[in-house]
C-alpha atoms as a PDB file:
ATOM      1  CA  MET A   1     -76.226-159.689  90.345  1.00  0.00           C
ATOM      2  CA  ALA A   2     -78.800-158.308  93.029  1.00  0.00           C
ATOM      3  CA  GLN A   3     -75.823-155.650  94.148  1.00  0.00           C
ATOM      4  CA  LEU A   4     -75.582-154.942  90.633  1.00  0.00           C
ATOM      5  CA  LEU A   5     -79.245-154.288  90.367  1.00  0.00           C
ATOM      6  CA  ARG A   6     -79.340-152.240  93.662  1.00  0.00           C
ATOM      7  CA  ALA A   7     -76.477-149.775  92.312  1.00  0.00           C
ATOM      8  CA  ASP A   8     -78.449-149.382  88.756  1.00  0.00           C
ATOM      9  CA  LEU A   9     -75.104-150.911  86.968  1.00  0.00           C
ATOM     10  CA  LEU A  10     -77.143-153.679  84.925  1.00  0.00           C
ATOM     11  CA  PRO A  11     -77.207-152.743  81.503  1.00  0.00           C
ATOM     12  CA  GLU A  12     -79.948-153.310  79.251  1.00  0.00           C
ATOM     13  CA  ALA A  13     -80.533-155.531  76.647  1.00  0.00           C
ATOM     14  CA  TRP A  14     -83.292-154.775  73.418  1.00  0.00           C
ATOM     15  CA  ILE A  15     -84.541-157.822  72.345  1.00  0.00           C
ATOM     16  CA  ALA A  16     -86.520-157.728  68.848  1.00  0.00           C
ATOM     17  CA  PRO A  17     -90.159-158.679  69.457  1.00  0.00           C
ATOM     18  CA  PRO A  18     -91.696-161.833  67.248  1.00  0.00           C
ATOM     19  CA  ALA A  19     -92.835-159.709  64.465  1.00  0.00           C
ATOM     20  CA  VAL A  20     -89.403-158.045  63.640  1.00  0.00           C
ATOM     21  CA  ARG A  21     -87.870-161.840  64.067  1.00  0.00           C
ATOM     22  CA  GLN A  22     -90.292-162.858  61.566  1.00  0.00           C
ATOM     23  CA  LEU A  23     -89.703-159.817  59.175  1.00  0.00           C
ATOM     24  CA  ARG A  24     -85.833-160.502  59.489  1.00  0.00           C
ATOM     25  CA  ALA A  25     -86.384-164.278  58.989  1.00  0.00           C
ATOM     26  CA  LEU A  26     -88.670-163.540  55.591  1.00  0.00           C
ATOM     27  CA  LEU A  27     -86.451-160.767  54.033  1.00  0.00           C
ATOM     28  CA  ARG A  28     -83.452-162.961  54.743  1.00  0.00           C
ATOM     29  CA  HIS A  29     -84.857-165.824  53.372  1.00  0.00           C
ATOM     30  CA  ARG A  30     -85.591-164.023  50.080  1.00  0.00           C
ATOM     31  CA  ALA A  31     -81.645-162.683  49.820  1.00  0.00           C
ATOM     32  CA  SER A  32     -80.554-165.997  50.443  1.00  0.00           C
ATOM     33  CA  LEU A  33     -82.826-167.443  47.276  1.00  0.00           C
ATOM     34  CA  VAL A  34     -82.080-164.728  45.159  1.00  0.00           C
ATOM     35  CA  ARG A  35     -78.092-165.095  46.163  1.00  0.00           C
ATOM     36  CA  LEU A  36     -78.712-168.899  45.397  1.00  0.00           C
ATOM     37  CA  GLY A  37     -80.090-168.236  41.729  1.00  0.00           C
ATOM     38  CA  THR A  38     -77.242-165.817  41.129  1.00  0.00           C
ATOM     39  CA  GLN A  39     -74.873-168.425  42.115  1.00  0.00           C
ATOM     40  CA  LEU A  40     -76.222-171.004  39.485  1.00  0.00           C
ATOM     41  CA  ARG A  41     -76.712-168.110  36.801  1.00  0.00           C
ATOM     42  CA  ASN A  42     -73.087-167.639  37.475  1.00  0.00           C
ATOM     43  CA  ARG A  43     -72.574-171.540  36.836  1.00  0.00           C
ATOM     44  CA  ILE A  44     -74.138-171.482  33.100  1.00  0.00           C
ATOM     45  CA  HIS A  45     -71.850-168.654  32.318  1.00  0.00           C
ATOM     46  CA  ALA A  46     -68.722-170.784  33.145  1.00  0.00           C
ATOM     47  CA  VAL A  47     -70.028-173.982  31.621  1.00  0.00           C
ATOM     48  CA  VAL A  48     -70.762-172.058  28.511  1.00  0.00           C
ATOM     49  CA  ALA A  49     -67.518-170.063  28.448  1.00  0.00           C
ATOM     50  CA  ASP A  50     -65.547-173.190  29.147  1.00  0.00           C
ATOM     51  CA  PHE A  51     -66.492-174.038  25.433  1.00  0.00           C
ATOM     52  CA  GLY A  52     -65.833-170.680  24.005  1.00  0.00           C
ATOM     53  CA  HIS A  53     -69.238-169.455  23.974  1.00  0.00           C
ATOM     54  CA  ASP A  54     -70.783-166.114  24.947  1.00  0.00           C
ATOM     55  CA  ARG A  55     -73.655-163.976  24.193  1.00  0.00           C
ATOM     56  CA  ALA A  56     -73.486-160.213  24.246  1.00  0.00           C
ATOM     57  CA  GLY A  57     -77.512-160.075  25.727  1.00  0.00           C
ATOM     58  CA  THR A  58     -78.764-161.843  28.667  1.00  0.00           C
ATOM     59  CA  TYR A  59     -79.226-165.769  28.473  1.00  0.00           C
ATOM     60  CA  TRP A  60     -82.473-165.872  30.448  1.00  0.00           C
ATOM     61  CA  THR A  61     -85.154-164.251  28.177  1.00  0.00           C
ATOM     62  CA  GLY A  62     -86.861-166.439  25.602  1.00  0.00           C
ATOM     63  CA  PRO A  63     -84.013-165.365  22.719  1.00  0.00           C
ATOM     64  CA  GLY A  64     -81.620-166.246  25.371  1.00  0.00           C
ATOM     65  CA  ARG A  65     -83.166-169.339  26.231  1.00  0.00           C
ATOM     66  CA  GLY A  66     -83.379-170.344  22.728  1.00  0.00           C
ATOM     67  CA  TRP A  67     -79.396-169.699  22.223  1.00  0.00           C
ATOM     68  CA  LEU A  68     -78.312-171.481  25.032  1.00  0.00           C
ATOM     69  CA  ALA A  69     -80.409-174.900  23.546  1.00  0.00           C
ATOM     70  CA  GLY A  70     -79.063-174.156  20.523  1.00  0.00           C
ATOM     71  CA  LEU A  71     -75.177-174.413  22.085  1.00  0.00           C
ATOM     72  CA  ASP A  72     -73.285-177.781  20.902  1.00  0.00           C
ATOM     73  CA  LEU A  73     -72.192-178.792  24.486  1.00  0.00           C
ATOM     74  CA  PRO A  74     -70.641-182.291  25.727  1.00  0.00           C
ATOM     75  CA  PRO A  75     -73.734-184.300  27.412  1.00  0.00           C
ATOM     76  CA  VAL A  76     -72.819-183.638  31.125  1.00  0.00           C
ATOM     77  CA  SER A  77     -72.234-179.938  30.351  1.00  0.00           C
ATOM     78  CA  ARG A  78     -75.723-180.023  28.925  1.00  0.00           C
ATOM     79  CA  GLU A  79     -77.298-181.654  31.847  1.00  0.00           C
ATOM     80  CA  ILE A  80     -75.498-178.967  34.356  1.00  0.00           C
ATOM     81  CA  VAL A  81     -77.165-176.307  32.105  1.00  0.00           C
ATOM     82  CA  THR A  82     -80.653-177.690  32.398  1.00  0.00           C
ATOM     83  CA  ASP A  83     -80.571-178.308  35.723  1.00  0.00           C
ATOM     84  CA  CYS A  84     -79.285-175.196  36.797  1.00  0.00           C
ATOM     85  CA  LEU A  85     -82.299-173.598  34.338  1.00  0.00           C
ATOM     86  CA  ALA A  86     -84.657-175.732  36.025  1.00  0.00           C
ATOM     87  CA  VAL A  87     -84.024-174.647  39.485  1.00  0.00           C
ATOM     88  CA  ILE A  88     -83.697-170.874  38.541  1.00  0.00           C
ATOM     89  CA  ASP A  89     -87.216-171.180  37.058  1.00  0.00           C
ATOM     90  CA  SER A  90     -88.331-172.966  40.328  1.00  0.00           C
ATOM     91  CA  LEU A  91     -86.558-170.396  42.256  1.00  0.00           C
ATOM     92  CA  ALA A  92     -88.359-167.652  40.479  1.00  0.00           C
ATOM     93  CA  VAL A  93     -92.014-168.906  41.544  1.00  0.00           C
ATOM     94  CA  THR A  94     -90.964-168.928  44.839  1.00  0.00           C
ATOM     95  CA  ILE A  95     -89.232-165.577  44.954  1.00  0.00           C
ATOM     96  CA  ASP A  96     -92.137-163.946  43.046  1.00  0.00           C
ATOM     97  CA  ARG A  97     -94.401-165.337  46.145  1.00  0.00           C
ATOM     98  CA  LEU A  98     -91.979-163.760  48.722  1.00  0.00           C
ATOM     99  CA  ASP A  99     -92.289-160.378  46.801  1.00  0.00           C
ATOM    100  CA  ALA A 100     -95.636-160.513  47.147  1.00  0.00           C
ATOM    101  CA  GLN A 101     -95.758-161.077  51.087  1.00  0.00           C
ATOM    102  CA  VAL A 102     -92.490-157.939  50.787  1.00  0.00           C
ATOM    103  CA  ARG A 103     -94.587-155.709  49.046  1.00  0.00           C
ATOM    104  CA  ALA A 104     -97.527-156.039  51.577  1.00  0.00           C
ATOM    105  CA  SER A 105     -95.542-155.517  54.691  1.00  0.00           C
ATOM    106  CA  ALA A 106     -94.232-152.334  52.799  1.00  0.00           C
ATOM    107  CA  LYS A 107     -97.746-150.978  51.948  1.00  0.00           C
ATOM    108  CA  ALA A 108     -98.632-151.797  55.735  1.00  0.00           C
ATOM    109  CA  GLY A 109     -95.126-149.530  57.121  1.00  0.00           C
ATOM    110  CA  PRO A 110     -95.333-145.933  57.019  1.00  0.00           C
ATOM    111  CA  ARG A 111     -91.645-145.913  57.967  1.00  0.00           C
ATOM    112  CA  VAL A 112     -90.911-147.532  54.603  1.00  0.00           C
ATOM    113  CA  LYS A 113     -92.307-144.510  52.651  1.00  0.00           C
ATOM    114  CA  THR A 114     -90.236-142.212  54.698  1.00  0.00           C
ATOM    115  CA  LEU A 115     -87.012-144.052  53.827  1.00  0.00           C
ATOM    116  CA  THR A 116     -87.745-144.668  50.201  1.00  0.00           C
ATOM    117  CA  ALA A 117     -87.462-141.080  50.253  1.00  0.00           C
ATOM    118  CA  LEU A 118     -83.740-141.631  50.760  1.00  0.00           C
ATOM    119  CA  PRO A 119     -81.647-141.816  47.456  1.00  0.00           C
ATOM    120  CA  GLY A 120     -80.828-145.763  46.467  1.00  0.00           C
ATOM    121  CA  VAL A 121     -84.071-146.879  48.888  1.00  0.00           C
ATOM    122  CA  GLY A 122     -86.391-149.279  47.793  1.00  0.00           C
ATOM    123  CA  GLN A 123     -88.864-151.184  49.315  1.00  0.00           C
ATOM    124  CA  PHE A 124     -87.164-154.261  49.925  1.00  0.00           C
ATOM    125  CA  THR A 125     -83.935-151.969  51.171  1.00  0.00           C
ATOM    126  CA  ALA A 126     -86.320-149.824  53.454  1.00  0.00           C
ATOM    127  CA  LEU A 127     -87.609-153.272  55.127  1.00  0.00           C
ATOM    128  CA  VAL A 128     -84.586-154.611  55.911  1.00  0.00           C
ATOM    129  CA  MET A 129     -83.332-151.402  57.486  1.00  0.00           C
ATOM    130  CA  LEU A 130     -86.443-151.399  59.473  1.00  0.00           C
ATOM    131  CA  ALA A 131     -86.263-154.972  60.408  1.00  0.00           C
ATOM    132  CA  GLU A 132     -82.326-154.783  61.514  1.00  0.00           C
ATOM    133  CA  ILE A 133     -82.738-151.648  63.546  1.00  0.00           C
ATOM    134  CA  GLY A 134     -85.755-152.717  65.046  1.00  0.00           C
ATOM    135  CA  GLY A 135     -87.101-149.886  67.387  1.00  0.00           C
ATOM    136  CA  ILE A 136     -85.409-146.424  66.184  1.00  0.00           C
ATOM    137  CA  THR A 137     -85.683-144.652  69.483  1.00  0.00           C
ATOM    138  CA  ARG A 138     -83.486-146.586  71.139  1.00  0.00           C
ATOM    139  CA  PHE A 139     -80.515-144.684  69.777  1.00  0.00           C
ATOM    140  CA  PRO A 140     -80.417-141.323  71.441  1.00  0.00           C
ATOM    141  CA  SER A 141     -78.209-140.137  68.576  1.00  0.00           C
ATOM    142  CA  ALA A 142     -77.079-140.855  64.591  1.00  0.00           C
ATOM    143  CA  ARG A 143     -73.566-141.917  65.728  1.00  0.00           C
ATOM    144  CA  LYS A 144     -74.738-144.254  68.363  1.00  0.00           C
ATOM    145  CA  LEU A 145     -76.853-146.229  65.253  1.00  0.00           C
ATOM    146  CA  ALA A 146     -73.565-146.013  63.095  1.00  0.00           C
ATOM    147  CA  SER A 147     -71.296-147.589  66.005  1.00  0.00           C
ATOM    148  CA  TRP A 148     -73.951-150.038  66.526  1.00  0.00           C
ATOM    149  CA  ALA A 149     -73.926-151.165  62.927  1.00  0.00           C
ATOM    150  CA  GLY A 150     -70.290-151.490  62.818  1.00  0.00           C
ATOM    151  CA  LEU A 151     -70.022-148.341  60.492  1.00  0.00           C
ATOM    152  CA  THR A 152     -67.500-146.192  62.705  1.00  0.00           C
ATOM    153  CA  PRO A 153     -63.549-146.797  62.748  1.00  0.00           C
ATOM    154  CA  ALA A 154     -61.765-148.940  64.698  1.00  0.00           C
ATOM    155  CA  VAL A 155     -59.472-146.642  66.975  1.00  0.00           C
ATOM    156  CA  ARG A 156     -56.322-147.754  68.435  1.00  0.00           C
ATOM    157  CA  GLY A 157     -54.478-145.379  70.486  1.00  0.00           C
ATOM    158  CA  SER A 158     -51.665-144.895  72.757  1.00  0.00           C
ATOM    159  CA  ASP A 159     -50.487-142.011  75.281  1.00  0.00           C
ATOM    160  CA  LEU A 160     -49.338-140.152  72.080  1.00  0.00           C
ATOM    161  CA  THR A 161     -51.101-141.154  69.036  1.00  0.00           C
ATOM    162  CA  VAL A 162     -54.552-142.350  67.817  1.00  0.00           C
ATOM    163  CA  ARG A 163     -55.031-144.231  64.950  1.00  0.00           C
ATOM    164  CA  HIS A 164     -58.217-144.637  62.947  1.00  0.00           C
ATOM    165  CA  GLY A 165     -58.494-147.737  60.907  1.00  0.00           C
ATOM    166  CA  HIS A 166     -61.204-149.585  58.847  1.00  0.00           C
ATOM    167  CA  ILE A 167     -64.842-149.388  59.870  1.00  0.00           C
ATOM    168  CA  SER A 168     -65.436-152.278  62.594  1.00  0.00           C
ATOM    169  CA  LYS A 169     -68.183-153.818  60.822  1.00  0.00           C
ATOM    170  CA  GLN A 170     -69.458-154.881  64.565  1.00  0.00           C
ATOM    171  CA  GLY A 171     -73.380-155.596  64.855  1.00  0.00           C
ATOM    172  CA  PRO A 172     -75.659-156.897  62.116  1.00  0.00           C
ATOM    173  CA  ALA A 173     -74.159-157.780  59.005  1.00  0.00           C
ATOM    174  CA  TRP A 174     -77.428-157.647  56.976  1.00  0.00           C
ATOM    175  CA  LEU A 175     -78.095-153.829  57.853  1.00  0.00           C
ATOM    176  CA  ARG A 176     -74.572-153.389  56.290  1.00  0.00           C
ATOM    177  CA  TRP A 177     -75.176-155.250  53.130  1.00  0.00           C
ATOM    178  CA  ALA A 178     -78.964-153.234  52.664  1.00  0.00           C
ATOM    179  CA  GLN A 179     -77.066-150.061  52.541  1.00  0.00           C
ATOM    180  CA  PRO A 180     -77.536-148.648  48.737  1.00  0.00           C
ATOM    181  CA  GLY A 181     -73.797-148.275  47.463  1.00  0.00           C
ATOM    182  CA  GLY A 182     -72.073-150.292  50.432  1.00  0.00           C
ATOM    183  CA  ALA A 183     -72.125-149.508  54.080  1.00  0.00           C
ATOM    184  CA  ASP A 184     -72.257-145.851  54.892  1.00  0.00           C
ATOM    185  CA  ARG A 185     -72.241-143.810  58.118  1.00  0.00           C
ATOM    186  CA  GLN A 186     -74.119-140.667  56.393  1.00  0.00           C
ATOM    187  CA  THR A 187     -76.425-142.814  55.017  1.00  0.00           C
ATOM    188  CA  LEU A 188     -77.361-144.483  58.537  1.00  0.00           C
ATOM    189  CA  THR A 189     -77.400-140.601  59.983  1.00  0.00           C
ATOM    190  CA  GLY A 190     -80.016-139.843  56.908  1.00  0.00           C
ATOM    191  CA  ILE A 191     -81.800-142.795  57.804  1.00  0.00           C
ATOM    192  CA  ARG A 192     -82.267-141.749  61.639  1.00  0.00           C
ATOM    193  CA  GLY A 193     -83.098-138.403  60.905  1.00  0.00           C
ATOM    194  CA  HIS A 194     -85.777-139.275  58.622  1.00  0.00           C
ATOM    195  CA  LEU A 195     -87.114-141.571  61.400  1.00  0.00           C
ATOM    196  CA  HIS A 196     -87.055-139.530  64.095  1.00  0.00           C
ATOM    197  CA  ARG A 197     -88.853-136.047  62.449  1.00  0.00           C
ATOM    198  CA  ASP A 198     -91.635-137.265  64.732  1.00  0.00           C
ATOM    199  CA  ARG A 199     -90.100-138.581  67.305  1.00  0.00           C
ATOM    200  CA  GLN A 200     -93.809-139.040  69.217  1.00  0.00           C
ATOM    201  CA  THR A 201     -95.104-141.200  66.237  1.00  0.00           C
ATOM    202  CA  ALA A 202     -92.015-143.466  66.241  1.00  0.00           C
ATOM    203  CA  ARG A 203     -92.198-143.943  70.200  1.00  0.00           C
ATOM    204  CA  GLU A 204     -95.922-144.717  69.673  1.00  0.00           C
ATOM    205  CA  GLN A 205     -95.206-147.046  67.097  1.00  0.00           C
ATOM    206  CA  ASP A 206     -92.481-148.955  69.136  1.00  0.00           C
ATOM    207  CA  ARG A 207     -94.727-149.588  71.884  1.00  0.00           C
ATOM    208  CA  HIS A 208     -97.492-150.725  69.288  1.00  0.00           C
ATOM    209  CA  HIS A 209     -94.923-153.388  68.385  1.00  0.00           C
ATOM    210  CA  GLY A 210     -93.395-154.265  71.404  1.00  0.00           C
ATOM    211  CA  ASN A 211     -90.302-152.616  70.855  1.00  0.00           C
ATOM    212  CA  ARG A 212     -89.238-152.174  74.543  1.00  0.00           C
ATOM    213  CA  PRO A 213     -86.163-152.691  76.156  1.00  0.00           C
ATOM    214  CA  GLN A 214     -85.570-155.639  78.361  1.00  0.00           C
ATOM    215  CA  ALA A 215     -82.937-156.138  81.257  1.00  0.00           C
ATOM    216  CA  ALA A 216     -80.045-158.608  80.490  1.00  0.00           C
ATOM    217  CA  HIS A 217     -81.601-160.964  82.695  1.00  0.00           C
ATOM    218  CA  PRO A 218     -84.978-161.981  82.336  1.00  0.00           C
ATOM    219  CA  ARG A 219     -86.135-162.188  85.825  1.00  0.00           C
ATOM    220  CA  LEU A 220     -84.986-158.656  86.772  1.00  0.00           C
ATOM    221  CA  PRO A 221     -86.531-155.638  85.836  1.00  0.00           C
ATOM    222  CA  SER A 222     -84.821-153.192  83.275  1.00  0.00           C
ATOM    223  CA  ALA A 223     -81.933-151.072  84.689  1.00  0.00           C
ATOM    224  CA  ARG A 224     -80.024-148.084  83.501  1.00  0.00           C
ATOM    225  CA  HIS A 225     -76.798-146.856  83.401  1.00  0.00           C
ATOM    226  CA  PRO A 226     -76.029-144.278  86.453  1.00  0.00           C
ATOM    227  CA  GLY A 227     -75.591-141.330  83.998  1.00  0.00           C
ATOM    228  CA  GLY A 228     -79.262-142.223  82.825  1.00  0.00           C
ATOM    229  CA  GLN A 229     -78.729-143.603  79.200  1.00  0.00           C
ATOM    230  CA  HIS A 230     -79.773-147.254  78.002  1.00  0.00           C
ATOM    231  CA  LEU A 231     -76.729-149.314  77.675  1.00  0.00           C
ATOM    232  CA  TRP A 232     -77.799-151.373  74.506  1.00  0.00           C
ATOM    233  CA  CYS A 233     -76.403-154.702  73.705  1.00  0.00           C
ATOM    234  CA  GLY A 234     -77.818-155.254  70.410  1.00  0.00           C
ATOM    235  CA  SER A 235     -80.675-158.302  69.358  1.00  0.00           C
ATOM    236  CA  THR A 236     -80.239-161.652  70.490  1.00  0.00           C
ATOM    237  CA  THR A 237     -81.279-162.827  67.228  1.00  0.00           C
ATOM    238  CA  PRO A 238     -78.081-163.703  64.935  1.00  0.00           C
END
């Protein structure tokens, strides 16, 4: 390893600072709770459909709750519906509290306002993008960012032919999940363009939040590729 360091061949790995990791944990926690609530709602729909009942409107408002309460269901099915509704109501309180934290984080970040100018990007989506991407200045181009996010096509080639397959889906799955309308390389290009309109401001914010590259080995100083570019290995946080 000392020989590799002497030859300047050690790749760099970007490790997200504690503030970014905490933001990721908050956003992923909220998303998991919302997903759980959706599963419970689907469960209620399935139980009601088993007995031939359906309603054009929503089940979760006052009239919808009254309609559910008036259905003639067997005891076990009624218990399932009641328990699911109780958990949904409990989750709603927790999600509202997390939403308040998300809104506070969004107001504190000027980059969120920049990203919400993109079509289909709200405060939550913008925060997910920022938390998963981390320091935007570590990507020298939009193509590098798209490749790191797993939005570039996989390539299989030989001496005569080159075949482009589906996107590689390598990298942070949460970033692809947060893309408005699905994973889109063009969207990431717009994201990087918006965040790089003022590169000096972006660098200053990265330094303020501790978004600095670290060497692959914790005891060795930061190293660079012989060509002068960083070799980013992505975040160590899953």
